[in-house]
Amino acid sequence: MDALTGLDKLTALEEIGLLKARRDRAADTKDWALYESLHAPDHVSENGDYGRWTTAKEMVANVAKSMEHLTTMHHSHTPEIAFETPTSATGIWAMEGMSFWKQDGHDHWFQAFGHYFERYEKRGGLWLFTRRSLKYYFTRKSPGAVFPPKIVN
């Protein structure tokens, strides 16, 4: 049984859905201040393409560098949200991601389908991401494309 019921549960579901929508928009528009504000400072992120990051600042710095020369479109849908307590929840979101860039003067693209596995906590009255991992089930890319781009510090 979920820790929340009725109107409280519906309100929390809507707040988490808006959190996710803002995250996708912030990534695609490269609004890194907004992106970081959606994550708890102790956020842990695991992405098979890049490994594990253990703070929101570290994650945002690396995501910003990896996406520096990309145009992206993130779509997240069909969420499965479960509340552990009134202030903690887990979520699984189906995803499709598209990335576009120039490589050696040619247009390239990468498309991925998979799921985000996430944890959220309500802190200071706001739901925040505290953990995320991404698992791709199917990917494809343009011929000759090198993806993911290397992160150069």
N, C-alpha and C. Protein backbone atom coordinates (compact mmCIF):
# COMPACT_ATOMS: atom_id res chain seq x y z
N MET A 1 0.84 -1.19 0.00
CA MET A 1 0.00 0.00 0.00
C MET A 1 0.88 1.25 0.00
N ASP A 2 0.53 2.22 -0.82
CA ASP A 2 1.28 3.47 -0.88
C ASP A 2 1.14 4.25 0.42
N ALA A 3 2.16 5.07 0.70
CA ALA A 3 2.17 5.87 1.91
C ALA A 3 1.27 7.09 1.81
N LEU A 4 0.84 7.43 0.59
CA LEU A 4 -0.06 8.55 0.39
C LEU A 4 -1.34 8.05 -0.26
N THR A 5 -2.45 8.72 0.04
CA THR A 5 -3.72 8.35 -0.57
C THR A 5 -4.48 9.62 -0.94
N GLY A 6 -5.52 9.44 -1.74
CA GLY A 6 -6.44 10.52 -2.06
C GLY A 6 -5.78 11.72 -2.70
N LEU A 7 -6.25 12.90 -2.31
CA LEU A 7 -5.79 14.15 -2.89
C LEU A 7 -4.29 14.37 -2.66
N ASP A 8 -3.78 13.96 -1.50
CA ASP A 8 -2.34 14.10 -1.23
C ASP A 8 -1.52 13.32 -2.25
N LYS A 9 -1.98 12.13 -2.59
CA LYS A 9 -1.26 11.30 -3.58
C LYS A 9 -1.34 11.93 -4.96
N LEU A 10 -2.52 12.39 -5.36
CA LEU A 10 -2.66 13.02 -6.67
C LEU A 10 -1.80 14.28 -6.78
N THR A 11 -1.75 15.05 -5.71
CA THR A 11 -0.92 16.27 -5.71
C THR A 11 0.55 15.91 -5.84
N ALA A 12 1.00 14.92 -5.09
CA ALA A 12 2.41 14.51 -5.16
C ALA A 12 2.75 13.94 -6.55
N LEU A 13 1.84 13.14 -7.12
CA LEU A 13 2.07 12.62 -8.48
C LEU A 13 2.23 13.75 -9.49
N GLU A 14 1.39 14.75 -9.40
CA GLU A 14 1.48 15.90 -10.30
C GLU A 14 2.79 16.66 -10.09
N GLU A 15 3.19 16.85 -8.85
CA GLU A 15 4.44 17.56 -8.56
C GLU A 15 5.65 16.80 -9.10
N ILE A 16 5.66 15.49 -8.97
CA ILE A 16 6.77 14.70 -9.49
C ILE A 16 6.76 14.71 -11.02
N GLY A 17 5.57 14.67 -11.61
CA GLY A 17 5.48 14.76 -13.07
C GLY A 17 6.02 16.08 -13.59
N LEU A 18 5.70 17.17 -12.91
CA LEU A 18 6.23 18.49 -13.30
C LEU A 18 7.73 18.56 -13.08
N LEU A 19 8.23 17.95 -12.01
CA LEU A 19 9.67 17.89 -11.77
C LEU A 19 10.37 17.23 -12.96
N LYS A 20 9.83 16.11 -13.41
CA LYS A 20 10.42 15.38 -14.53
C LYS A 20 10.35 16.20 -15.82
N ALA A 21 9.21 16.84 -16.07
CA ALA A 21 9.06 17.67 -17.27
C ALA A 21 10.08 18.82 -17.26
N ARG A 22 10.26 19.45 -16.11
CA ARG A 22 11.24 20.55 -16.02
C ARG A 22 12.65 20.04 -16.26
N ARG A 23 12.95 18.86 -15.75
CA ARG A 23 14.28 18.27 -15.95
C ARG A 23 14.55 18.05 -17.43
N ASP A 24 13.60 17.47 -18.15
CA ASP A 24 13.79 17.23 -19.58
C ASP A 24 13.95 18.55 -20.33
N ARG A 25 13.11 19.54 -20.01
CA ARG A 25 13.21 20.85 -20.67
C ARG A 25 14.52 21.53 -20.34
N ALA A 26 14.93 21.49 -19.09
CA ALA A 26 16.19 22.14 -18.69
C ALA A 26 17.38 21.51 -19.43
N ALA A 27 17.36 20.18 -19.59
CA ALA A 27 18.44 19.51 -20.33
C ALA A 27 18.45 19.96 -21.78
N ASP A 28 17.29 19.97 -22.42
CA ASP A 28 17.23 20.30 -23.85
C ASP A 28 17.51 21.76 -24.13
N THR A 29 17.19 22.65 -23.19
CA THR A 29 17.45 24.09 -23.38
C THR A 29 18.79 24.50 -22.76
N LYS A 30 19.46 23.55 -22.14
CA LYS A 30 20.76 23.77 -21.50
C LYS A 30 20.67 24.85 -20.42
N ASP A 31 19.59 24.81 -19.66
CA ASP A 31 19.40 25.70 -18.52
C ASP A 31 19.96 24.97 -17.30
N TRP A 32 21.28 25.07 -17.12
CA TRP A 32 21.96 24.26 -16.11
C TRP A 32 21.65 24.71 -14.70
N ALA A 33 21.32 25.98 -14.49
CA ALA A 33 20.92 26.43 -13.15
C ALA A 33 19.59 25.78 -12.75
N LEU A 34 18.62 25.78 -13.67
CA LEU A 34 17.35 25.11 -13.39
C LEU A 34 17.58 23.62 -13.18
N TYR A 35 18.36 23.01 -14.07
CA TYR A 35 18.64 21.58 -13.99
C TYR A 35 19.18 21.20 -12.61
N GLU A 36 20.18 21.95 -12.14
CA GLU A 36 20.76 21.65 -10.83
C GLU A 36 19.75 21.84 -9.70
N SER A 37 18.89 22.87 -9.82
CA SER A 37 17.93 23.16 -8.74
C SER A 37 16.90 22.05 -8.57
N LEU A 38 16.75 21.19 -9.54
CA LEU A 38 15.77 20.10 -9.48
C LEU A 38 16.31 18.87 -8.77
N HIS A 39 17.61 18.88 -8.46
CA HIS A 39 18.29 17.74 -7.85
C HIS A 39 18.77 18.09 -6.44
N ALA A 40 18.65 17.15 -5.52
CA ALA A 40 19.21 17.34 -4.19
C ALA A 40 20.73 17.44 -4.31
N PRO A 41 21.39 18.20 -3.44
CA PRO A 41 22.85 18.32 -3.53
C PRO A 41 23.56 16.97 -3.49
N ASP A 42 23.00 15.99 -2.77
CA ASP A 42 23.62 14.67 -2.64
C ASP A 42 23.09 13.68 -3.68
N HIS A 43 22.55 14.19 -4.75
CA HIS A 43 22.01 13.35 -5.84
C HIS A 43 23.10 12.42 -6.39
N VAL A 44 22.72 11.17 -6.67
CA VAL A 44 23.61 10.19 -7.29
C VAL A 44 23.03 9.83 -8.65
N SER A 45 23.87 9.90 -9.67
CA SER A 45 23.42 9.61 -11.02
C SER A 45 24.31 8.54 -11.63
N GLU A 46 23.68 7.53 -12.24
CA GLU A 46 24.42 6.47 -12.92
C GLU A 46 23.92 6.39 -14.35
N ASN A 47 24.83 6.59 -15.27
CA ASN A 47 24.50 6.53 -16.68
C ASN A 47 25.53 5.62 -17.32
N GLY A 48 25.07 4.55 -17.94
CA GLY A 48 25.98 3.58 -18.54
C GLY A 48 26.97 4.18 -19.50
N ASP A 49 26.60 5.32 -20.14
CA ASP A 49 27.52 5.97 -21.07
C ASP A 49 28.71 6.61 -20.35
N TYR A 50 28.50 7.08 -19.12
CA TYR A 50 29.52 7.88 -18.45
C TYR A 50 29.93 7.39 -17.07
N GLY A 51 29.20 6.50 -16.47
CA GLY A 51 29.58 6.06 -15.14
C GLY A 51 28.71 6.67 -14.06
N ARG A 52 29.30 6.89 -12.88
CA ARG A 52 28.55 7.30 -11.69
C ARG A 52 29.04 8.65 -11.20
N TRP A 53 28.08 9.55 -10.92
CA TRP A 53 28.39 10.84 -10.32
C TRP A 53 27.68 10.93 -8.98
N THR A 54 28.35 11.48 -7.96
CA THR A 54 27.83 11.39 -6.59
C THR A 54 27.36 12.71 -5.98
N THR A 55 27.34 13.78 -6.75
CA THR A 55 26.72 15.02 -6.29
C THR A 55 26.01 15.67 -7.47
N ALA A 56 25.06 16.53 -7.17
CA ALA A 56 24.36 17.25 -8.24
C ALA A 56 25.34 18.13 -9.01
N LYS A 57 26.24 18.80 -8.31
CA LYS A 57 27.21 19.68 -8.99
C LYS A 57 28.08 18.90 -9.96
N GLU A 58 28.58 17.74 -9.53
CA GLU A 58 29.42 16.91 -10.40
C GLU A 58 28.61 16.44 -11.62
N MET A 59 27.39 16.01 -11.39
CA MET A 59 26.55 15.54 -12.49
C MET A 59 26.28 16.66 -13.49
N VAL A 60 25.88 17.83 -13.01
CA VAL A 60 25.55 18.94 -13.91
C VAL A 60 26.78 19.37 -14.70
N ALA A 61 27.92 19.44 -14.06
CA ALA A 61 29.14 19.83 -14.78
C ALA A 61 29.44 18.85 -15.91
N ASN A 62 29.30 17.56 -15.65
CA ASN A 62 29.58 16.55 -16.67
C ASN A 62 28.51 16.50 -17.75
N VAL A 63 27.25 16.61 -17.37
CA VAL A 63 26.18 16.62 -18.37
C VAL A 63 26.32 17.83 -19.28
N ALA A 64 26.62 18.99 -18.70
CA ALA A 64 26.79 20.20 -19.51
C ALA A 64 27.93 20.03 -20.51
N LYS A 65 29.05 19.47 -20.07
CA LYS A 65 30.17 19.23 -20.99
C LYS A 65 29.81 18.21 -22.07
N SER A 66 29.14 17.13 -21.69
CA SER A 66 28.82 16.08 -22.66
C SER A 66 27.82 16.57 -23.70
N MET A 67 26.97 17.54 -23.33
CA MET A 67 25.95 18.03 -24.25
C MET A 67 26.32 19.35 -24.91
N GLU A 68 27.53 19.81 -24.68
CA GLU A 68 27.95 21.14 -25.15
C GLU A 68 27.68 21.34 -26.65
N HIS A 69 27.95 20.35 -27.47
CA HIS A 69 27.82 20.49 -28.92
C HIS A 69 26.65 19.69 -29.48
N LEU A 70 25.73 19.29 -28.61
CA LEU A 70 24.57 18.50 -29.04
C LEU A 70 23.30 19.34 -29.01
N THR A 71 22.40 19.05 -29.90
CA THR A 71 21.01 19.48 -29.81
C THR A 71 20.25 18.22 -29.41
N THR A 72 19.46 18.30 -28.34
CA THR A 72 18.82 17.10 -27.81
C THR A 72 17.31 17.29 -27.68
N MET A 73 16.64 16.16 -27.61
CA MET A 73 15.21 16.13 -27.30
C MET A 73 14.96 14.91 -26.43
N HIS A 74 14.58 15.15 -25.18
CA HIS A 74 14.28 14.09 -24.23
C HIS A 74 12.77 13.96 -24.07
N HIS A 75 12.27 12.75 -24.19
CA HIS A 75 10.86 12.48 -23.93
C HIS A 75 10.76 11.42 -22.84
N SER A 76 10.02 11.72 -21.79
CA SER A 76 9.77 10.79 -20.69
C SER A 76 8.27 10.60 -20.58
N HIS A 77 7.84 9.35 -20.43
CA HIS A 77 6.41 9.10 -20.41
C HIS A 77 6.08 7.81 -19.67
N THR A 78 4.81 7.54 -19.51
CA THR A 78 4.24 6.38 -18.83
C THR A 78 4.92 6.10 -17.48
N PRO A 79 4.84 7.06 -16.56
CA PRO A 79 5.50 6.88 -15.26
C PRO A 79 4.82 5.84 -14.38
N GLU A 80 5.66 5.18 -13.61
CA GLU A 80 5.21 4.29 -12.53
C GLU A 80 5.80 4.86 -11.25
N ILE A 81 4.99 5.53 -10.45
CA ILE A 81 5.46 6.19 -9.23
C ILE A 81 4.91 5.43 -8.03
N ALA A 82 5.78 5.13 -7.06
CA ALA A 82 5.37 4.46 -5.82
C ALA A 82 5.90 5.27 -4.64
N PHE A 83 5.04 5.52 -3.68
CA PHE A 83 5.43 6.29 -2.49
C PHE A 83 5.81 5.35 -1.37
N GLU A 84 7.02 5.55 -0.84
CA GLU A 84 7.49 4.76 0.29
C GLU A 84 7.03 5.40 1.60
N THR A 85 7.11 6.72 1.63
CA THR A 85 6.64 7.52 2.76
C THR A 85 5.99 8.76 2.15
N PRO A 86 5.38 9.62 2.94
CA PRO A 86 4.82 10.84 2.36
C PRO A 86 5.87 11.77 1.73
N THR A 87 7.16 11.54 2.03
CA THR A 87 8.21 12.41 1.49
C THR A 87 9.28 11.65 0.71
N SER A 88 9.01 10.41 0.32
CA SER A 88 9.97 9.67 -0.51
C SER A 88 9.21 8.77 -1.48
N ALA A 89 9.77 8.69 -2.70
CA ALA A 89 9.10 7.92 -3.75
C ALA A 89 10.13 7.39 -4.73
N THR A 90 9.71 6.37 -5.47
CA THR A 90 10.51 5.86 -6.58
C THR A 90 9.70 6.02 -7.85
N GLY A 91 10.42 6.07 -8.96
CA GLY A 91 9.74 6.20 -10.24
C GLY A 91 10.49 5.49 -11.34
N ILE A 92 9.74 4.95 -12.28
CA ILE A 92 10.29 4.39 -13.51
C ILE A 92 9.58 5.10 -14.65
N TRP A 93 10.35 5.66 -15.57
CA TRP A 93 9.81 6.38 -16.71
C TRP A 93 10.37 5.78 -18.00
N ALA A 94 9.50 5.45 -18.93
CA ALA A 94 9.96 5.10 -20.27
C ALA A 94 10.52 6.36 -20.91
N MET A 95 11.53 6.18 -21.77
CA MET A 95 12.16 7.36 -22.37
C MET A 95 12.52 7.11 -23.82
N GLU A 96 12.58 8.22 -24.56
CA GLU A 96 13.20 8.26 -25.88
C GLU A 96 14.05 9.50 -25.89
N GLY A 97 15.27 9.37 -26.35
CA GLY A 97 16.17 10.51 -26.45
C GLY A 97 16.75 10.60 -27.84
N MET A 98 16.84 11.82 -28.35
CA MET A 98 17.47 12.08 -29.63
C MET A 98 18.57 13.11 -29.43
N SER A 99 19.70 12.88 -30.08
CA SER A 99 20.81 13.83 -30.06
C SER A 99 21.26 14.07 -31.49
N PHE A 100 21.58 15.32 -31.79
CA PHE A 100 22.03 15.72 -33.13
C PHE A 100 23.28 16.56 -32.98
N TRP A 101 24.27 16.39 -33.88
CA TRP A 101 25.51 17.15 -33.82
C TRP A 101 26.24 17.06 -35.15
N LYS A 102 27.26 17.92 -35.27
CA LYS A 102 28.17 17.89 -36.42
C LYS A 102 29.42 17.14 -36.00
N GLN A 103 29.87 16.25 -36.86
CA GLN A 103 31.11 15.50 -36.63
C GLN A 103 31.87 15.49 -37.95
N ASP A 104 33.08 16.01 -37.93
CA ASP A 104 33.88 16.09 -39.15
C ASP A 104 33.11 16.76 -40.28
N GLY A 105 32.33 17.78 -39.95
CA GLY A 105 31.59 18.54 -40.95
C GLY A 105 30.31 17.89 -41.45
N HIS A 106 29.93 16.74 -40.89
CA HIS A 106 28.72 16.04 -41.31
C HIS A 106 27.70 15.99 -40.17
N ASP A 107 26.42 15.97 -40.56
CA ASP A 107 25.35 15.83 -39.58
C ASP A 107 25.28 14.38 -39.08
N HIS A 108 25.14 14.23 -37.76
CA HIS A 108 24.99 12.90 -37.16
C HIS A 108 23.87 12.92 -36.13
N TRP A 109 23.41 11.73 -35.78
CA TRP A 109 22.33 11.60 -34.80
C TRP A 109 22.49 10.31 -34.02
N PHE A 110 21.85 10.30 -32.85
CA PHE A 110 21.79 9.13 -31.97
C PHE A 110 20.39 9.09 -31.39
N GLN A 111 19.79 7.90 -31.37
CA GLN A 111 18.45 7.72 -30.82
C GLN A 111 18.50 6.58 -29.81
N ALA A 112 17.85 6.77 -28.66
CA ALA A 112 17.85 5.75 -27.61
C ALA A 112 16.45 5.58 -27.04
N PHE A 113 16.16 4.33 -26.68
CA PHE A 113 14.92 3.98 -26.00
C PHE A 113 15.28 3.20 -24.75
N GLY A 114 14.61 3.49 -23.64
CA GLY A 114 14.90 2.76 -22.42
C GLY A 114 14.04 3.24 -21.28
N HIS A 115 14.60 3.14 -20.07
CA HIS A 115 13.90 3.56 -18.85
C HIS A 115 14.84 4.30 -17.91
N TYR A 116 14.29 5.33 -17.28
CA TYR A 116 14.93 5.98 -16.14
C TYR A 116 14.40 5.31 -14.89
N PHE A 117 15.28 5.01 -13.96
CA PHE A 117 14.93 4.49 -12.64
C PHE A 117 15.34 5.57 -11.64
N GLU A 118 14.37 6.12 -10.91
CA GLU A 118 14.64 7.32 -10.10
C GLU A 118 14.12 7.19 -8.68
N ARG A 119 14.70 8.05 -7.82
CA ARG A 119 14.22 8.22 -6.44
C ARG A 119 14.03 9.71 -6.24
N TYR A 120 13.04 10.04 -5.43
CA TYR A 120 12.70 11.43 -5.14
C TYR A 120 12.50 11.58 -3.64
N GLU A 121 12.80 12.77 -3.15
CA GLU A 121 12.48 13.12 -1.76
C GLU A 121 11.89 14.51 -1.76
N LYS A 122 10.94 14.72 -0.86
CA LYS A 122 10.38 16.05 -0.66
C LYS A 122 11.19 16.72 0.43
N ARG A 123 11.90 17.77 0.04
CA ARG A 123 12.76 18.52 0.96
C ARG A 123 12.39 19.99 0.88
N GLY A 124 12.19 20.61 2.03
CA GLY A 124 11.83 22.02 2.04
C GLY A 124 10.56 22.30 1.25
N GLY A 125 9.65 21.34 1.24
CA GLY A 125 8.37 21.51 0.56
C GLY A 125 8.39 21.22 -0.94
N LEU A 126 9.56 20.84 -1.49
CA LEU A 126 9.68 20.56 -2.91
C LEU A 126 10.18 19.14 -3.16
N TRP A 127 9.63 18.49 -4.18
CA TRP A 127 10.15 17.19 -4.60
C TRP A 127 11.42 17.42 -5.40
N LEU A 128 12.47 16.62 -5.09
CA LEU A 128 13.76 16.71 -5.78
C LEU A 128 14.21 15.31 -6.18
N PHE A 129 14.98 15.25 -7.24
CA PHE A 129 15.64 13.99 -7.61
C PHE A 129 16.76 13.71 -6.61
N THR A 130 16.83 12.48 -6.12
CA THR A 130 17.95 12.09 -5.25
C THR A 130 18.80 10.99 -5.87
N ARG A 131 18.25 10.30 -6.87
CA ARG A 131 19.01 9.22 -7.52
C ARG A 131 18.39 8.95 -8.89
N ARG A 132 19.26 8.65 -9.86
CA ARG A 132 18.77 8.30 -11.19
C ARG A 132 19.74 7.34 -11.84
N SER A 133 19.20 6.34 -12.50
CA SER A 133 20.00 5.50 -13.39
C SER A 133 19.22 5.37 -14.69
N LEU A 134 19.96 5.22 -15.76
CA LEU A 134 19.37 5.14 -17.09
C LEU A 134 19.80 3.83 -17.72
N LYS A 135 18.83 3.10 -18.24
CA LYS A 135 19.14 1.85 -18.94
C LYS A 135 18.54 1.93 -20.33
N TYR A 136 19.41 1.79 -21.34
CA TYR A 136 18.96 1.73 -22.73
C TYR A 136 18.65 0.29 -23.09
N TYR A 137 17.56 0.10 -23.85
CA TYR A 137 17.22 -1.22 -24.37
C TYR A 137 17.44 -1.31 -25.87
N PHE A 138 17.40 -0.17 -26.53
CA PHE A 138 17.64 -0.14 -27.97
C PHE A 138 18.23 1.21 -28.32
N THR A 139 19.29 1.21 -29.10
CA THR A 139 19.88 2.45 -29.60
C THR A 139 20.22 2.28 -31.08
N ARG A 140 20.29 3.41 -31.74
CA ARG A 140 20.78 3.42 -33.11
C ARG A 140 21.40 4.78 -33.37
N LYS A 141 22.28 4.83 -34.37
CA LYS A 141 22.96 6.08 -34.68
C LYS A 141 23.29 6.14 -36.16
N SER A 142 23.58 7.35 -36.60
CA SER A 142 23.93 7.54 -38.00
C SER A 142 25.25 6.84 -38.31
N PRO A 143 25.44 6.39 -39.54
CA PRO A 143 26.69 5.70 -39.91
C PRO A 143 27.92 6.57 -39.63
N GLY A 144 28.88 6.01 -38.93
CA GLY A 144 30.12 6.71 -38.60
C GLY A 144 30.06 7.59 -37.38
N ALA A 145 28.90 7.67 -36.75
CA ALA A 145 28.75 8.54 -35.58
C ALA A 145 29.54 7.99 -34.40
N VAL A 146 30.19 8.89 -33.66
CA VAL A 146 30.87 8.54 -32.41
C VAL A 146 30.00 9.09 -31.28
N PHE A 147 29.41 8.16 -30.52
CA PHE A 147 28.53 8.57 -29.43
C PHE A 147 28.70 7.58 -28.31
N PRO A 148 28.77 7.99 -27.05
CA PRO A 148 28.60 9.36 -26.59
C PRO A 148 29.86 10.18 -26.82
N PRO A 149 29.69 11.51 -26.87
CA PRO A 149 30.87 12.35 -27.02
C PRO A 149 31.75 12.25 -25.78
N LYS A 150 33.01 12.33 -25.98
CA LYS A 150 33.97 12.29 -24.87
C LYS A 150 33.83 13.58 -24.03
N ILE A 151 33.93 13.43 -22.73
CA ILE A 151 33.93 14.58 -21.84
C ILE A 151 35.38 15.02 -21.66
N VAL A 152 35.67 16.24 -22.10
CA VAL A 152 37.02 16.76 -22.00
C VAL A 152 37.04 17.82 -20.91
N ASN A 153 37.86 17.58 -19.89
CA ASN A 153 37.93 18.56 -18.78
C ASN A 153 38.97 19.60 -19.04
